[in-house]
Amino acid sequence: MSEVSNVDAAINKSFNDLIYRLTGTNDLSTIKQIAPSVKLKKDFLVSYEPINIYDKSFLVTRFNKKSLLEKLDSLKIPIIGYNRPTIMLLVKVEDGNDAPYILNNSSSKLVDHDIKLILDEVSNQRGIFFELPVFDLDDIKELSSLTIFDSEEDIILSNYEYDYQLNLNISQSYINKWVITGDINSDKATSLKLTLSTLRKKLNTLANDYLHAFKIPNSQSSIRVIVNNINSYNELKQLQDVMSRLISIKTSKINSYVDRSVVYTLQISGDIKSFKKEVNANPYLQLIESDDNVTFVLLNN
């Protein structure tokens, strides 16, 4: 009985986490509209499998995408598509012992590790990308020889593409008293544990704002889509598989296949602009034109 309860609890959490990622909200009233009980959540369940990673038990679940999206559509609950925001972070850390430094992928102090865990946690939970700079030897050399005429920010950020920028300072102002300033501000200096807890909460709040702009409009459209460079039946099957993962597509119909180009009529949630964003965010598709149609190619691996 205990094992069944544990499985039910894991399925319940997985479903709630999925809704959080899809809609940007973990409001219980919204989740209850979709499935008010574990039994109804299981109606969307396709499969589950227990696995062990580093001696810890996890449950891998798969839910029925089509029926879940239909349910969200019937309730007029907006969803966030494949296109997700990337947030570039410039975090200056001052631990009171060493010279201030910019947090990056290779920095390895204990406080760096704790901050990175929070960024990974919020990124995974919300389905967004909090990115830190990656420094090579040239970057380190250039940053170490800055003059008053140089901009540390310009040097770092010129290497990246991102949707939003977040500047933070995390510093130890007194012994075991830390504070956050910049685009996020903590109310007062507290222990490192409480300061990092504040960081986690503030990042989740900011995630709501970031994701809001990426929600698929609560409308429906019929659009014409052209996919070029489809050379074989296997590539057509691969294309169909990739397109089936695009959240905004409700129905699709092939109109023609001429000169290695497939022409579709799609019924989509949202509009042509939001659909183009979703295509651009898919690693297997490349948008090649921007016009009244949507034209792209399948990227073969």
Protein backbone atom coordinates (compact mmCIF):
# COMPACT_ATOMS: atom_id res chain seq x y z
CA MET A 1 0.00 0.00 0.00
CA SER A 2 2.86 2.35 0.86
CA GLU A 3 4.49 1.68 -2.54
CA VAL A 4 1.22 2.51 -4.34
CA SER A 5 0.94 5.74 -2.33
CA ASN A 6 4.50 6.68 -3.27
CA VAL A 7 3.81 6.06 -6.95
CA ASP A 8 0.59 8.10 -6.78
CA ALA A 9 2.44 10.94 -5.07
CA ALA A 10 5.16 10.88 -7.75
CA ILE A 11 2.58 10.87 -10.58
CA ASN A 12 0.72 13.73 -8.89
CA LYS A 13 3.93 15.78 -8.61
CA SER A 14 4.98 14.99 -12.19
CA PHE A 15 1.62 16.12 -13.52
CA ASN A 16 1.67 19.34 -11.49
CA ASP A 17 5.25 20.06 -12.61
CA LEU A 18 4.25 19.52 -16.25
CA ILE A 19 1.34 21.95 -15.94
CA TYR A 20 3.70 24.46 -14.32
CA ARG A 21 6.07 24.21 -17.30
CA LEU A 22 3.28 24.28 -19.90
CA THR A 23 1.22 27.15 -18.48
CA GLY A 24 3.65 29.07 -16.30
CA THR A 25 1.40 28.73 -13.26
CA ASN A 26 1.30 26.34 -10.31
CA ASP A 27 -1.95 27.76 -9.00
CA LEU A 28 -3.91 24.89 -7.42
CA SER A 29 -7.24 26.17 -8.72
CA THR A 30 -5.90 25.96 -12.30
CA ILE A 31 -4.61 22.42 -11.75
CA LYS A 32 -7.97 21.40 -10.25
CA GLN A 33 -9.75 22.66 -13.37
CA ILE A 34 -7.62 20.31 -15.46
CA ALA A 35 -7.63 17.26 -13.17
CA PRO A 36 -8.91 17.62 -9.59
CA SER A 37 -7.72 14.19 -8.43
CA VAL A 38 -4.84 11.77 -8.91
CA LYS A 39 -7.24 9.37 -10.63
CA LEU A 40 -8.09 11.99 -13.30
CA LYS A 41 -4.41 12.87 -13.68
CA LYS A 42 -3.75 9.21 -14.39
CA ASP A 43 -6.23 9.44 -17.28
CA PHE A 44 -3.58 11.49 -19.10
CA LEU A 45 -0.81 9.06 -18.16
CA VAL A 46 0.76 7.01 -20.96
CA SER A 47 3.44 5.21 -18.98
CA TYR A 48 5.72 5.42 -15.97
CA GLU A 49 8.98 3.74 -15.11
CA PRO A 50 11.00 3.69 -11.87
CA ILE A 51 14.72 4.36 -12.32
CA ASN A 52 17.73 4.77 -10.01
CA ILE A 53 20.33 7.51 -10.42
CA TYR A 54 23.23 7.52 -7.98
CA ASP A 55 21.24 5.24 -5.64
CA LYS A 56 18.27 7.63 -5.64
CA SER A 57 14.86 6.47 -6.89
CA PHE A 58 12.96 8.47 -9.51
CA LEU A 59 9.79 7.91 -11.50
CA VAL A 60 9.90 8.77 -15.21
CA THR A 61 6.39 9.58 -16.44
CA ARG A 62 4.93 10.20 -19.89
CA PHE A 63 1.59 11.94 -20.39
CA ASN A 64 -0.61 12.05 -23.48
CA LYS A 65 0.28 15.32 -25.18
CA LYS A 66 -2.74 15.43 -27.49
CA SER A 67 -5.42 14.87 -24.86
CA LEU A 68 -3.74 17.21 -22.36
CA LEU A 69 -3.44 20.04 -24.88
CA GLU A 70 -7.07 19.50 -25.90
CA LYS A 71 -8.10 19.79 -22.26
CA LEU A 72 -6.12 23.01 -21.80
CA ASP A 73 -7.61 24.37 -25.02
CA SER A 74 -11.17 23.54 -23.90
CA LEU A 75 -10.55 25.41 -20.65
CA LYS A 76 -8.99 28.34 -22.56
CA ILE A 77 -5.81 28.08 -20.48
CA PRO A 78 -2.93 29.67 -22.46
CA ILE A 79 0.19 27.56 -22.87
CA ILE A 80 3.86 28.30 -23.47
CA GLY A 81 5.16 26.68 -26.63
CA TYR A 82 8.52 25.21 -27.59
CA ASN A 83 9.95 28.73 -27.76
CA ARG A 84 11.41 29.57 -24.34
CA PRO A 85 13.25 32.66 -23.10
CA THR A 86 16.99 32.73 -22.51
CA ILE A 87 18.17 34.93 -19.64
CA MET A 88 21.81 35.94 -19.56
CA LEU A 89 23.11 36.52 -16.04
CA LEU A 90 25.99 38.73 -15.01
CA VAL A 91 26.51 37.87 -11.36
CA LYS A 92 29.33 39.60 -9.50
CA VAL A 93 30.30 37.72 -6.34
CA GLU A 94 32.11 39.40 -3.44
CA ASP A 95 32.81 36.90 -0.67
CA GLY A 96 34.87 39.31 1.46
CA ASN A 97 38.00 37.18 1.11
CA ASP A 98 39.10 37.41 -2.52
CA ALA A 99 38.75 40.00 -5.25
CA PRO A 100 35.23 40.32 -6.72
CA TYR A 101 34.67 38.08 -9.76
CA ILE A 102 32.00 37.33 -12.38
CA LEU A 103 30.25 34.01 -11.82
CA ASN A 104 30.86 31.78 -14.84
CA ASN A 105 30.55 28.15 -15.87
CA SER A 106 34.00 27.22 -14.59
CA SER A 107 34.04 29.10 -11.27
CA SER A 108 34.04 26.56 -8.47
CA LYS A 109 33.80 28.12 -5.02
CA LEU A 110 31.16 26.73 -2.66
CA VAL A 111 28.91 29.77 -3.08
CA ASP A 112 29.24 29.42 -6.87
CA HIS A 113 28.09 25.81 -6.65
CA ASP A 114 25.06 26.77 -4.55
CA ILE A 115 24.02 29.56 -6.94
CA LYS A 116 24.39 27.27 -9.98
CA LEU A 117 22.19 24.63 -8.32
CA ILE A 118 19.45 27.24 -7.87
CA LEU A 119 19.75 28.37 -11.50
CA ASP A 120 19.50 24.76 -12.70
CA GLU A 121 16.56 24.07 -10.40
CA VAL A 122 14.52 27.08 -11.54
CA SER A 123 15.48 26.51 -15.20
CA ASN A 124 14.34 22.88 -15.10
CA GLN A 125 11.18 23.59 -13.15
CA ARG A 126 10.04 26.48 -15.31
CA GLY A 127 11.37 25.37 -18.68
CA ILE A 128 13.48 28.48 -19.25
CA PHE A 129 17.22 29.03 -19.63
CA PHE A 130 19.28 30.91 -17.07
CA GLU A 131 22.72 31.11 -18.66
CA LEU A 132 26.11 32.05 -17.22
CA PRO A 133 29.05 33.24 -19.33
CA VAL A 134 31.73 30.77 -20.41
CA PHE A 135 35.23 32.27 -20.23
CA ASP A 136 38.16 31.06 -22.31
CA LEU A 137 41.76 32.17 -21.85
CA ASP A 138 41.31 35.17 -24.15
CA ASP A 139 38.26 36.34 -22.17
CA ILE A 140 40.12 36.01 -18.87
CA LYS A 141 43.11 37.93 -20.26
CA GLU A 142 40.92 40.71 -21.65
CA LEU A 143 38.89 41.03 -18.44
CA SER A 144 42.01 41.15 -16.30
CA SER A 145 43.40 44.12 -18.22
CA LEU A 146 40.36 46.42 -18.27
CA THR A 147 40.79 50.18 -18.19
CA ILE A 148 38.29 52.82 -17.10
CA PHE A 149 37.32 53.15 -20.77
CA ASP A 150 36.34 49.48 -21.11
CA SER A 151 32.97 47.96 -20.31
CA GLU A 152 33.12 44.58 -18.61
CA GLU A 153 29.47 44.03 -19.53
CA ASP A 154 29.98 44.80 -23.25
CA ILE A 155 32.99 42.50 -23.49
CA ILE A 156 31.14 39.55 -21.94
CA LEU A 157 27.68 39.95 -23.48
CA SER A 158 28.86 40.58 -27.05
CA ASN A 159 29.49 36.81 -27.35
CA TYR A 160 25.89 35.74 -26.64
CA GLU A 161 22.34 35.88 -27.92
CA TYR A 162 19.61 36.13 -25.29
CA ASP A 163 16.12 37.48 -24.64
CA TYR A 164 16.69 39.14 -21.27
CA GLN A 165 19.67 40.31 -19.23
CA LEU A 166 19.88 40.05 -15.44
CA ASN A 167 22.59 41.89 -13.48
CA LEU A 168 23.19 40.87 -9.86
CA ASN A 169 25.68 41.49 -7.08
CA ILE A 170 25.88 38.89 -4.31
CA SER A 171 28.19 40.02 -1.54
CA GLN A 172 29.14 39.21 2.03
CA SER A 173 28.89 42.57 3.76
CA TYR A 174 29.72 41.23 7.24
CA ILE A 175 30.74 37.84 8.58
CA ASN A 176 28.02 35.40 7.44
CA LYS A 177 25.82 38.31 6.36
CA TRP A 178 25.05 38.30 2.65
CA VAL A 179 23.03 40.68 0.49
CA ILE A 180 21.75 40.75 -3.10
CA THR A 181 21.67 44.00 -5.09
CA GLY A 182 21.09 44.91 -8.73
CA ASP A 183 18.05 43.76 -10.68
CA ILE A 184 17.11 41.70 -7.60
CA ASN A 185 17.35 43.21 -4.13
CA SER A 186 17.17 41.42 -0.80
CA ASP A 187 15.46 43.35 2.00
CA LYS A 188 18.39 43.00 4.40
CA ALA A 189 21.67 41.19 4.99
CA THR A 190 21.09 37.62 6.19
CA SER A 191 22.86 34.27 6.30
CA LEU A 192 23.98 32.75 3.01
CA LYS A 193 21.24 30.10 3.26
CA LEU A 194 18.47 32.71 3.63
CA THR A 195 20.01 34.93 0.96
CA LEU A 196 20.04 32.06 -1.54
CA SER A 197 16.44 31.21 -0.59
CA THR A 198 15.53 34.81 -1.44
CA LEU A 199 17.36 34.46 -4.76
CA ARG A 200 15.35 31.33 -5.61
CA LYS A 201 12.02 33.04 -4.83
CA LYS A 202 12.90 36.19 -6.77
CA LEU A 203 14.04 34.19 -9.82
CA ASN A 204 10.72 32.31 -9.83
CA THR A 205 8.84 35.61 -9.69
CA LEU A 206 10.92 37.00 -12.57
CA ALA A 207 10.31 33.77 -14.51
CA ASN A 208 6.57 34.56 -14.46
CA ASP A 209 7.28 37.87 -16.20
CA TYR A 210 9.71 36.34 -18.70
CA LEU A 211 7.35 33.50 -19.65
CA HIS A 212 4.26 35.69 -19.98
CA ALA A 213 5.57 37.18 -23.22
CA PHE A 214 6.13 33.67 -24.63
CA LYS A 215 2.60 32.36 -24.08
CA ILE A 216 0.82 31.28 -27.25
CA PRO A 217 -2.11 33.68 -27.89
CA ASN A 218 -5.47 32.19 -26.97
CA SER A 219 -6.72 32.15 -30.56
CA GLN A 220 -6.73 29.85 -33.58
CA SER A 221 -5.40 30.33 -37.10
CA SER A 222 -5.15 28.48 -40.39
CA ILE A 223 -1.75 28.88 -42.03
CA ARG A 224 0.10 27.59 -45.09
CA VAL A 225 3.49 26.01 -44.41
CA ILE A 226 6.16 25.05 -46.93
CA VAL A 227 8.98 22.68 -45.98
CA ASN A 228 11.86 22.47 -48.44
CA ASN A 229 14.58 19.90 -49.08
CA ILE A 230 12.61 16.75 -48.23
CA ASN A 231 14.40 14.15 -50.35
CA SER A 232 12.98 10.81 -49.22
CA TYR A 233 10.14 9.08 -47.45
CA ASN A 234 12.32 8.65 -44.36
CA GLU A 235 12.93 12.40 -44.25
CA LEU A 236 9.19 12.98 -44.59
CA LYS A 237 8.60 10.66 -41.64
CA GLN A 238 11.27 12.50 -39.67
CA LEU A 239 9.60 15.81 -40.52
CA GLN A 240 6.20 14.52 -39.40
CA ASP A 241 7.73 13.39 -36.12
CA VAL A 242 9.38 16.77 -35.50
CA MET A 243 6.20 18.67 -36.34
CA SER A 244 4.17 16.47 -34.01
CA ARG A 245 6.21 17.90 -31.14
CA LEU A 246 5.27 21.50 -31.94
CA ILE A 247 2.77 22.34 -29.25
CA SER A 248 0.83 24.94 -31.24
CA ILE A 249 -0.19 22.58 -34.10
CA LYS A 250 -3.75 21.30 -33.67
CA THR A 251 -4.25 19.58 -37.05
CA SER A 252 -2.16 19.23 -40.21
CA LYS A 253 -2.96 18.34 -43.82
CA ILE A 254 -0.46 17.73 -46.65
CA ASN A 255 -1.62 19.61 -49.76
CA SER A 256 1.19 18.70 -52.14
CA TYR A 257 4.70 17.33 -52.56
CA VAL A 258 6.48 18.90 -55.55
CA ASP A 259 10.19 19.42 -56.26
CA ARG A 260 11.21 18.14 -52.82
CA SER A 261 8.90 20.62 -51.08
CA VAL A 262 5.95 19.66 -48.89
CA VAL A 263 3.05 22.09 -48.57
CA TYR A 264 0.87 21.86 -45.46
CA THR A 265 -2.26 23.54 -44.22
CA LEU A 266 -2.10 23.75 -40.44
CA GLN A 267 -4.66 24.67 -37.85
CA ILE A 268 -2.70 26.20 -35.00
CA SER A 269 -3.19 27.77 -31.61
CA GLY A 270 -2.02 31.37 -31.73
CA ASP A 271 -0.99 33.21 -34.88
CA ILE A 272 1.65 33.04 -37.59
CA LYS A 273 4.04 35.17 -35.52
CA SER A 274 3.96 32.85 -32.48
CA PHE A 275 4.26 29.80 -34.76
CA LYS A 276 7.39 31.20 -36.41
CA LYS A 277 8.90 31.72 -32.96
CA GLU A 278 8.20 28.08 -32.10
CA VAL A 279 9.79 26.89 -35.35
CA ASN A 280 12.85 29.08 -34.68
CA ALA A 281 13.23 27.55 -31.22
CA ASN A 282 13.15 23.96 -32.53
CA PRO A 283 16.70 22.57 -33.00
CA TYR A 284 15.59 20.38 -35.92
CA LEU A 285 13.98 23.13 -38.02
CA GLN A 286 15.36 26.27 -39.64
CA LEU A 287 13.12 29.14 -40.69
CA ILE A 288 14.43 30.42 -44.03
CA GLU A 289 11.87 33.03 -45.04
CA SER A 290 9.55 35.48 -43.35
CA ASP A 291 6.44 36.18 -45.42
CA ASP A 292 2.73 35.43 -45.46
CA ASN A 293 3.63 31.73 -45.50
CA VAL A 294 5.96 29.90 -43.13
CA THR A 295 8.87 28.35 -45.00
CA PHE A 296 11.53 26.23 -43.31
CA VAL A 297 13.83 23.26 -43.82
CA LEU A 298 14.40 20.13 -41.80
CA LEU A 299 17.92 19.94 -40.39
CA ASN A 300 19.25 16.43 -40.97
CA ASN A 301 21.65 15.05 -38.36
